[in-house]
Amino acid sequence: MPSTLTTLLRTDSSNDDFQTLVTFLDGELKDRDGDDHPFYAQFNNLDKIKHVILAYADNHAVGCGAFRFYQKGVVEIKRMYVRGEYRGRGIASVVLTGLESWAKESGFNTCILETGYNQPEAIALYKKSGYSVIPNYGPYEHVSNSVCYRKELTSA
């Protein structure tokens, strides 16, 4: 059985471990989203992500998440992923909490994010972590499979 989380690393999207995990994430999303995947993939460009957290266990990168500037005071949480064999151990919660702390340290007071109804594990994580459903924003505004969330960091 894999061990639990041992280390968090703050980095950016140029990190090789992050890029590897995102490859796994994109493969899983392609399977879950099917024909809708190309639509979502266009919004997951990595070159603008300066805030990435990697989770390590057993000397391997096993989870990740990121945020990017959305608008004044607001960041968008992106690229949340935990390798299958490490799920159910709280790693995603630790990564998300780390992202929220880093965003708050960086002067942001709100996190928003988009996920899909085909990712029930993500929906459960965000609800458990205090995120509230909001109207779909930006490119997801009229996308029926998308669900968007918001959390005020000042109340965290």
N, C-alpha and C. Protein backbone atom coordinates (compact mmCIF):
# COMPACT_ATOMS: atom_id res chain seq x y z
N MET A 1 0.84 -1.19 0.00
CA MET A 1 0.00 0.00 0.00
C MET A 1 0.88 1.24 0.00
N PRO A 2 0.58 2.23 -0.88
CA PRO A 2 1.38 3.45 -0.91
C PRO A 2 1.28 4.20 0.42
N SER A 3 2.35 4.87 0.78
CA SER A 3 2.35 5.64 2.02
C SER A 3 1.62 6.96 1.81
N THR A 4 1.57 7.75 2.85
CA THR A 4 0.88 9.02 2.77
C THR A 4 1.84 10.12 2.33
N LEU A 5 1.28 11.28 2.17
CA LEU A 5 2.00 12.45 1.73
C LEU A 5 3.21 12.73 2.62
N THR A 6 4.32 13.09 1.99
CA THR A 6 5.50 13.44 2.77
C THR A 6 5.97 14.87 2.55
N THR A 7 5.75 15.44 1.37
CA THR A 7 6.30 16.76 1.06
C THR A 7 5.39 17.52 0.11
N LEU A 8 5.30 18.83 0.31
CA LEU A 8 4.69 19.73 -0.67
C LEU A 8 5.79 20.63 -1.21
N LEU A 9 5.73 20.91 -2.50
CA LEU A 9 6.69 21.78 -3.15
C LEU A 9 5.96 22.86 -3.92
N ARG A 10 6.34 24.11 -3.67
CA ARG A 10 5.83 25.22 -4.46
C ARG A 10 6.75 25.41 -5.66
N THR A 11 6.17 25.49 -6.83
CA THR A 11 6.96 25.62 -8.05
C THR A 11 6.13 26.33 -9.11
N ASP A 12 6.46 26.13 -10.37
CA ASP A 12 5.65 26.69 -11.46
C ASP A 12 5.45 25.62 -12.52
N SER A 13 4.79 25.99 -13.61
CA SER A 13 4.40 25.01 -14.61
C SER A 13 5.56 24.47 -15.44
N SER A 14 6.75 25.00 -15.27
CA SER A 14 7.90 24.45 -16.00
C SER A 14 8.45 23.19 -15.34
N ASN A 15 7.98 22.86 -14.14
CA ASN A 15 8.48 21.71 -13.40
C ASN A 15 8.12 20.41 -14.13
N ASP A 16 9.11 19.55 -14.33
CA ASP A 16 8.91 18.29 -15.06
C ASP A 16 7.90 17.37 -14.37
N ASP A 17 7.92 17.31 -13.04
CA ASP A 17 6.96 16.47 -12.33
C ASP A 17 5.53 16.97 -12.55
N PHE A 18 5.36 18.27 -12.54
CA PHE A 18 4.03 18.83 -12.80
C PHE A 18 3.58 18.47 -14.21
N GLN A 19 4.45 18.63 -15.17
CA GLN A 19 4.08 18.32 -16.55
C GLN A 19 3.71 16.85 -16.72
N THR A 20 4.41 15.97 -16.02
CA THR A 20 4.09 14.54 -16.08
C THR A 20 2.70 14.27 -15.49
N LEU A 21 2.43 14.86 -14.31
CA LEU A 21 1.12 14.65 -13.69
C LEU A 21 0.00 15.22 -14.56
N VAL A 22 0.24 16.35 -15.20
CA VAL A 22 -0.78 16.94 -16.07
C VAL A 22 -1.05 16.05 -17.28
N THR A 23 -0.04 15.35 -17.75
CA THR A 23 -0.26 14.39 -18.84
C THR A 23 -1.23 13.29 -18.39
N PHE A 24 -1.04 12.78 -17.16
CA PHE A 24 -1.97 11.79 -16.61
C PHE A 24 -3.37 12.39 -16.44
N LEU A 25 -3.42 13.61 -15.91
CA LEU A 25 -4.69 14.30 -15.72
C LEU A 25 -5.43 14.45 -17.05
N ASP A 26 -4.73 14.92 -18.06
CA ASP A 26 -5.37 15.14 -19.36
C ASP A 26 -5.88 13.83 -19.96
N GLY A 27 -5.14 12.74 -19.76
CA GLY A 27 -5.59 11.44 -20.24
C GLY A 27 -6.87 11.01 -19.55
N GLU A 28 -6.93 11.21 -18.24
CA GLU A 28 -8.14 10.85 -17.50
C GLU A 28 -9.32 11.72 -17.90
N LEU A 29 -9.08 13.02 -18.06
CA LEU A 29 -10.16 13.92 -18.46
C LEU A 29 -10.66 13.61 -19.87
N LYS A 30 -9.75 13.22 -20.74
CA LYS A 30 -10.15 12.85 -22.10
C LYS A 30 -11.11 11.66 -22.06
N ASP A 31 -10.80 10.68 -21.20
CA ASP A 31 -11.68 9.51 -21.05
C ASP A 31 -13.03 9.92 -20.47
N ARG A 32 -13.01 10.77 -19.45
CA ARG A 32 -14.26 11.15 -18.78
C ARG A 32 -15.11 12.10 -19.63
N ASP A 33 -14.46 13.04 -20.32
CA ASP A 33 -15.20 14.07 -21.05
C ASP A 33 -15.54 13.68 -22.48
N GLY A 34 -14.86 12.67 -23.01
CA GLY A 34 -15.16 12.20 -24.36
C GLY A 34 -15.06 13.31 -25.40
N ASP A 35 -16.11 13.48 -26.17
CA ASP A 35 -16.11 14.44 -27.27
C ASP A 35 -15.99 15.89 -26.79
N ASP A 36 -16.28 16.16 -25.52
CA ASP A 36 -16.18 17.51 -24.99
C ASP A 36 -14.76 17.90 -24.60
N HIS A 37 -13.84 16.92 -24.58
CA HIS A 37 -12.49 17.19 -24.08
C HIS A 37 -11.77 18.31 -24.83
N PRO A 38 -11.80 18.38 -26.16
CA PRO A 38 -11.08 19.48 -26.83
C PRO A 38 -11.56 20.86 -26.40
N PHE A 39 -12.85 21.01 -26.12
CA PHE A 39 -13.35 22.29 -25.63
C PHE A 39 -12.67 22.68 -24.33
N TYR A 40 -12.65 21.77 -23.36
CA TYR A 40 -12.05 22.07 -22.06
C TYR A 40 -10.53 22.22 -22.15
N ALA A 41 -9.88 21.42 -22.97
CA ALA A 41 -8.42 21.43 -23.07
C ALA A 41 -7.88 22.80 -23.47
N GLN A 42 -8.63 23.54 -24.27
CA GLN A 42 -8.14 24.84 -24.72
C GLN A 42 -7.95 25.84 -23.57
N PHE A 43 -8.57 25.59 -22.42
CA PHE A 43 -8.46 26.50 -21.29
C PHE A 43 -7.42 26.05 -20.26
N ASN A 44 -6.64 25.04 -20.61
CA ASN A 44 -5.67 24.49 -19.67
C ASN A 44 -4.23 24.67 -20.11
N ASN A 45 -3.95 25.81 -20.73
CA ASN A 45 -2.60 26.14 -21.17
C ASN A 45 -1.70 26.31 -19.94
N LEU A 46 -0.56 25.68 -19.97
CA LEU A 46 0.33 25.69 -18.80
C LEU A 46 1.31 26.86 -18.76
N ASP A 47 1.51 27.56 -19.87
CA ASP A 47 2.59 28.55 -19.90
C ASP A 47 2.36 29.77 -19.01
N LYS A 48 1.16 29.98 -18.53
CA LYS A 48 0.87 31.15 -17.71
C LYS A 48 0.73 30.82 -16.23
N ILE A 49 1.04 29.60 -15.85
CA ILE A 49 0.83 29.20 -14.46
C ILE A 49 2.14 29.35 -13.67
N LYS A 50 2.11 30.31 -12.75
CA LYS A 50 3.31 30.60 -11.95
C LYS A 50 3.22 30.04 -10.55
N HIS A 51 2.06 29.50 -10.19
CA HIS A 51 1.85 29.00 -8.83
C HIS A 51 1.34 27.56 -8.90
N VAL A 52 2.25 26.63 -8.67
CA VAL A 52 1.95 25.20 -8.72
C VAL A 52 2.39 24.58 -7.40
N ILE A 53 1.57 23.69 -6.88
CA ILE A 53 1.97 22.90 -5.72
C ILE A 53 2.00 21.44 -6.14
N LEU A 54 3.10 20.79 -5.82
CA LEU A 54 3.27 19.35 -6.05
C LEU A 54 3.28 18.63 -4.71
N ALA A 55 2.62 17.50 -4.67
CA ALA A 55 2.62 16.64 -3.49
C ALA A 55 3.46 15.42 -3.79
N TYR A 56 4.35 15.09 -2.86
CA TYR A 56 5.24 13.94 -3.02
C TYR A 56 4.97 12.91 -1.93
N ALA A 57 5.00 11.65 -2.32
CA ALA A 57 4.94 10.51 -1.40
C ALA A 57 5.78 9.41 -2.01
N ASP A 58 6.44 8.65 -1.19
CA ASP A 58 7.28 7.55 -1.68
C ASP A 58 8.29 8.04 -2.72
N ASN A 59 8.77 9.27 -2.54
CA ASN A 59 9.75 9.89 -3.45
C ASN A 59 9.23 10.08 -4.87
N HIS A 60 7.90 10.11 -5.03
CA HIS A 60 7.29 10.35 -6.35
C HIS A 60 6.32 11.51 -6.23
N ALA A 61 6.20 12.27 -7.32
CA ALA A 61 5.15 13.28 -7.39
C ALA A 61 3.83 12.54 -7.59
N VAL A 62 2.90 12.73 -6.66
CA VAL A 62 1.65 11.98 -6.70
C VAL A 62 0.42 12.87 -6.84
N GLY A 63 0.58 14.16 -6.68
CA GLY A 63 -0.55 15.07 -6.80
C GLY A 63 -0.10 16.47 -7.13
N CYS A 64 -1.05 17.24 -7.66
CA CYS A 64 -0.71 18.62 -8.02
C CYS A 64 -1.96 19.49 -8.04
N GLY A 65 -1.72 20.76 -8.06
CA GLY A 65 -2.75 21.76 -8.24
C GLY A 65 -2.06 23.07 -8.53
N ALA A 66 -2.81 24.03 -9.04
CA ALA A 66 -2.23 25.31 -9.40
C ALA A 66 -3.28 26.40 -9.28
N PHE A 67 -2.82 27.63 -9.28
CA PHE A 67 -3.74 28.74 -9.44
C PHE A 67 -3.11 29.77 -10.35
N ARG A 68 -4.00 30.55 -10.96
CA ARG A 68 -3.54 31.65 -11.80
C ARG A 68 -4.44 32.85 -11.56
N PHE A 69 -3.87 34.01 -11.82
CA PHE A 69 -4.62 35.25 -11.68
C PHE A 69 -5.86 35.20 -12.56
N TYR A 70 -6.99 35.60 -11.99
CA TYR A 70 -8.22 35.68 -12.77
C TYR A 70 -8.64 37.15 -12.92
N GLN A 71 -8.74 37.84 -11.80
CA GLN A 71 -9.01 39.28 -11.79
C GLN A 71 -8.57 39.80 -10.44
N LYS A 72 -8.61 41.09 -10.27
CA LYS A 72 -8.12 41.68 -9.02
C LYS A 72 -8.74 40.97 -7.81
N GLY A 73 -7.88 40.45 -6.95
CA GLY A 73 -8.31 39.77 -5.74
C GLY A 73 -8.75 38.32 -5.90
N VAL A 74 -8.79 37.83 -7.15
CA VAL A 74 -9.36 36.51 -7.42
C VAL A 74 -8.37 35.65 -8.21
N VAL A 75 -8.20 34.42 -7.74
CA VAL A 75 -7.42 33.43 -8.49
C VAL A 75 -8.34 32.31 -8.93
N GLU A 76 -7.92 31.63 -9.99
CA GLU A 76 -8.64 30.47 -10.49
C GLU A 76 -7.81 29.23 -10.19
N ILE A 77 -8.40 28.29 -9.49
CA ILE A 77 -7.75 27.02 -9.18
C ILE A 77 -7.79 26.16 -10.45
N LYS A 78 -6.65 25.58 -10.80
CA LYS A 78 -6.52 24.79 -12.02
C LYS A 78 -5.72 23.51 -11.74
N ARG A 79 -5.88 22.54 -12.62
CA ARG A 79 -5.03 21.37 -12.74
C ARG A 79 -4.87 20.55 -11.47
N MET A 80 -5.97 20.39 -10.73
CA MET A 80 -5.97 19.54 -9.54
C MET A 80 -5.97 18.08 -9.98
N TYR A 81 -5.06 17.30 -9.40
CA TYR A 81 -4.95 15.89 -9.77
C TYR A 81 -4.20 15.12 -8.70
N VAL A 82 -4.64 13.89 -8.45
CA VAL A 82 -3.91 12.93 -7.60
C VAL A 82 -3.91 11.61 -8.34
N ARG A 83 -2.74 10.99 -8.41
CA ARG A 83 -2.64 9.68 -9.07
C ARG A 83 -3.58 8.69 -8.40
N GLY A 84 -4.18 7.83 -9.21
CA GLY A 84 -5.21 6.90 -8.74
C GLY A 84 -4.85 6.11 -7.50
N GLU A 85 -3.65 5.56 -7.47
CA GLU A 85 -3.27 4.70 -6.35
C GLU A 85 -3.05 5.48 -5.05
N TYR A 86 -3.07 6.83 -5.12
CA TYR A 86 -2.88 7.66 -3.94
C TYR A 86 -4.16 8.37 -3.52
N ARG A 87 -5.24 8.13 -4.21
CA ARG A 87 -6.51 8.78 -3.87
C ARG A 87 -7.09 8.22 -2.58
N GLY A 88 -7.89 9.04 -1.95
CA GLY A 88 -8.53 8.62 -0.70
C GLY A 88 -7.66 8.79 0.52
N ARG A 89 -6.56 9.50 0.39
CA ARG A 89 -5.63 9.71 1.51
C ARG A 89 -5.54 11.17 1.94
N GLY A 90 -6.41 12.02 1.37
CA GLY A 90 -6.43 13.43 1.76
C GLY A 90 -5.42 14.30 1.04
N ILE A 91 -4.74 13.77 0.05
CA ILE A 91 -3.71 14.54 -0.64
C ILE A 91 -4.31 15.72 -1.39
N ALA A 92 -5.43 15.53 -2.06
CA ALA A 92 -6.05 16.64 -2.79
C ALA A 92 -6.44 17.77 -1.84
N SER A 93 -6.94 17.42 -0.66
CA SER A 93 -7.30 18.44 0.33
C SER A 93 -6.08 19.23 0.78
N VAL A 94 -4.97 18.52 1.00
CA VAL A 94 -3.74 19.19 1.42
C VAL A 94 -3.24 20.12 0.32
N VAL A 95 -3.27 19.67 -0.92
CA VAL A 95 -2.84 20.51 -2.04
C VAL A 95 -3.74 21.73 -2.15
N LEU A 96 -5.04 21.54 -2.08
CA LEU A 96 -5.98 22.66 -2.20
C LEU A 96 -5.79 23.66 -1.07
N THR A 97 -5.63 23.18 0.14
CA THR A 97 -5.38 24.08 1.28
C THR A 97 -4.07 24.84 1.07
N GLY A 98 -3.05 24.17 0.55
CA GLY A 98 -1.79 24.83 0.25
C GLY A 98 -1.95 25.93 -0.80
N LEU A 99 -2.74 25.66 -1.82
CA LEU A 99 -2.99 26.67 -2.85
C LEU A 99 -3.73 27.86 -2.27
N GLU A 100 -4.72 27.60 -1.44
CA GLU A 100 -5.47 28.70 -0.81
C GLU A 100 -4.57 29.54 0.07
N SER A 101 -3.70 28.91 0.84
CA SER A 101 -2.77 29.65 1.70
C SER A 101 -1.83 30.51 0.87
N TRP A 102 -1.30 29.95 -0.20
CA TRP A 102 -0.37 30.67 -1.07
C TRP A 102 -1.09 31.84 -1.74
N ALA A 103 -2.31 31.63 -2.18
CA ALA A 103 -3.08 32.71 -2.80
C ALA A 103 -3.30 33.84 -1.79
N LYS A 104 -3.67 33.48 -0.57
CA LYS A 104 -3.90 34.48 0.47
C LYS A 104 -2.60 35.24 0.78
N GLU A 105 -1.49 34.52 0.90
CA GLU A 105 -0.18 35.15 1.12
C GLU A 105 0.16 36.12 -0.01
N SER A 106 -0.32 35.82 -1.22
CA SER A 106 -0.03 36.63 -2.40
C SER A 106 -1.01 37.79 -2.58
N GLY A 107 -1.89 37.99 -1.61
CA GLY A 107 -2.79 39.13 -1.64
C GLY A 107 -4.16 38.89 -2.26
N PHE A 108 -4.49 37.65 -2.54
CA PHE A 108 -5.80 37.33 -3.11
C PHE A 108 -6.76 36.95 -1.99
N ASN A 109 -8.04 37.22 -2.18
CA ASN A 109 -9.01 36.90 -1.14
C ASN A 109 -10.12 35.96 -1.61
N THR A 110 -10.09 35.56 -2.88
CA THR A 110 -11.13 34.69 -3.42
C THR A 110 -10.53 33.68 -4.38
N CYS A 111 -11.03 32.45 -4.31
CA CYS A 111 -10.70 31.42 -5.29
C CYS A 111 -11.97 31.06 -6.05
N ILE A 112 -11.84 30.89 -7.36
CA ILE A 112 -12.91 30.34 -8.17
C ILE A 112 -12.35 29.15 -8.92
N LEU A 113 -13.24 28.32 -9.42
CA LEU A 113 -12.78 27.18 -10.22
C LEU A 113 -13.94 26.61 -11.01
N GLU A 114 -13.59 25.83 -12.01
CA GLU A 114 -14.55 25.10 -12.81
C GLU A 114 -14.17 23.64 -12.77
N THR A 115 -15.18 22.80 -12.66
CA THR A 115 -15.00 21.37 -12.81
C THR A 115 -16.22 20.85 -13.57
N GLY A 116 -16.25 19.57 -13.81
CA GLY A 116 -17.35 19.03 -14.58
C GLY A 116 -18.14 18.00 -13.79
N TYR A 117 -19.36 17.80 -14.21
CA TYR A 117 -20.19 16.80 -13.55
C TYR A 117 -19.63 15.38 -13.73
N ASN A 118 -18.70 15.20 -14.69
CA ASN A 118 -18.05 13.90 -14.87
C ASN A 118 -16.91 13.68 -13.88
N GLN A 119 -16.68 14.64 -12.99
CA GLN A 119 -15.65 14.52 -11.96
C GLN A 119 -16.29 14.60 -10.57
N PRO A 120 -17.07 13.60 -10.19
CA PRO A 120 -17.76 13.66 -8.89
C PRO A 120 -16.81 13.74 -7.70
N GLU A 121 -15.62 13.18 -7.84
CA GLU A 121 -14.64 13.26 -6.74
C GLU A 121 -14.21 14.71 -6.51
N ALA A 122 -14.03 15.44 -7.60
CA ALA A 122 -13.66 16.85 -7.49
C ALA A 122 -14.79 17.65 -6.85
N ILE A 123 -15.99 17.40 -7.28
CA ILE A 123 -17.15 18.09 -6.71
C ILE A 123 -17.22 17.84 -5.20
N ALA A 124 -17.02 16.61 -4.79
CA ALA A 124 -17.04 16.28 -3.36
C ALA A 124 -15.94 17.02 -2.61
N LEU A 125 -14.74 17.07 -3.19
CA LEU A 125 -13.62 17.79 -2.56
C LEU A 125 -13.97 19.26 -2.35
N TYR A 126 -14.48 19.91 -3.39
CA TYR A 126 -14.74 21.34 -3.29
C TYR A 126 -15.86 21.63 -2.30
N LYS A 127 -16.90 20.82 -2.28
CA LYS A 127 -17.97 21.01 -1.30
C LYS A 127 -17.43 20.83 0.11
N LYS A 128 -16.64 19.77 0.33
CA LYS A 128 -16.06 19.49 1.64
C LYS A 128 -15.12 20.62 2.09
N SER A 129 -14.51 21.29 1.11
CA SER A 129 -13.52 22.33 1.41
C SER A 129 -14.13 23.72 1.52
N GLY A 130 -15.45 23.81 1.51
CA GLY A 130 -16.11 25.09 1.75
C GLY A 130 -16.40 25.92 0.52
N TYR A 131 -16.33 25.33 -0.65
CA TYR A 131 -16.64 26.05 -1.89
C TYR A 131 -18.14 26.03 -2.12
N SER A 132 -18.66 27.12 -2.66
CA SER A 132 -20.09 27.25 -2.97
C SER A 132 -20.27 27.33 -4.48
N VAL A 133 -21.34 26.71 -4.96
CA VAL A 133 -21.65 26.77 -6.39
C VAL A 133 -22.00 28.21 -6.76
N ILE A 134 -21.46 28.64 -7.90
CA ILE A 134 -21.76 29.97 -8.44
C ILE A 134 -22.21 29.79 -9.89
N PRO A 135 -22.81 30.83 -10.47
CA PRO A 135 -23.13 30.73 -11.89
C PRO A 135 -21.85 30.49 -12.70
N ASN A 136 -21.95 29.70 -13.73
CA ASN A 136 -20.79 29.43 -14.57
C ASN A 136 -20.25 30.75 -15.12
N TYR A 137 -18.93 30.88 -15.12
CA TYR A 137 -18.28 32.13 -15.52
C TYR A 137 -17.50 31.93 -16.82
N GLY A 138 -17.15 33.06 -17.42
CA GLY A 138 -16.27 33.08 -18.58
C GLY A 138 -16.67 32.08 -19.65
N PRO A 139 -15.70 31.30 -20.11
CA PRO A 139 -15.96 30.38 -21.22
C PRO A 139 -16.90 29.24 -20.86
N TYR A 140 -17.19 29.06 -19.58
CA TYR A 140 -18.05 27.96 -19.13
C TYR A 140 -19.51 28.40 -18.96
N GLU A 141 -19.80 29.66 -19.26
CA GLU A 141 -21.10 30.26 -18.97
C GLU A 141 -22.29 29.45 -19.48
N HIS A 142 -22.20 28.93 -20.68
CA HIS A 142 -23.33 28.20 -21.25
C HIS A 142 -23.02 26.71 -21.45
N VAL A 143 -22.11 26.18 -20.63
CA VAL A 143 -21.70 24.78 -20.77
C VAL A 143 -22.43 23.97 -19.71
N SER A 144 -23.30 23.09 -20.17
CA SER A 144 -24.17 22.36 -19.24
C SER A 144 -23.43 21.34 -18.38
N ASN A 145 -22.28 20.85 -18.82
CA ASN A 145 -21.54 19.87 -18.04
C ASN A 145 -20.61 20.52 -17.01
N SER A 146 -20.45 21.84 -17.06
CA SER A 146 -19.56 22.54 -16.13
C SER A 146 -20.31 22.97 -14.88
N VAL A 147 -19.59 22.94 -13.78
CA VAL A 147 -20.09 23.50 -12.53
C VAL A 147 -18.96 24.34 -11.94
N CYS A 148 -19.28 25.56 -11.54
CA CYS A 148 -18.27 26.48 -11.03
C CYS A 148 -18.48 26.74 -9.55
N TYR A 149 -17.36 27.01 -8.87
CA TYR A 149 -17.36 27.20 -7.43
C TYR A 149 -16.56 28.44 -7.05
N ARG A 150 -16.82 28.90 -5.82
CA ARG A 150 -16.14 30.07 -5.28
C ARG A 150 -15.94 29.87 -3.78
N LYS A 151 -14.83 30.41 -3.30
CA LYS A 151 -14.58 30.41 -1.87
C LYS A 151 -13.88 31.70 -1.50
N GLU A 152 -14.40 32.35 -0.47
CA GLU A 152 -13.76 33.54 0.06
C GLU A 152 -12.67 33.09 1.05
N LEU A 153 -11.46 33.53 0.81
CA LEU A 153 -10.35 33.09 1.66
C LEU A 153 -10.33 33.79 3.00
N THR A 154 -10.94 34.94 3.10
CA THR A 154 -10.97 35.65 4.38
C THR A 154 -11.77 34.88 5.41
N SER A 155 -12.71 34.04 4.96
CA SER A 155 -13.51 33.26 5.90
C SER A 155 -12.92 31.86 6.11
N ALA A 156 -11.78 31.60 5.45
CA ALA A 156 -11.18 30.26 5.55
C ALA A 156 -10.48 30.11 6.88
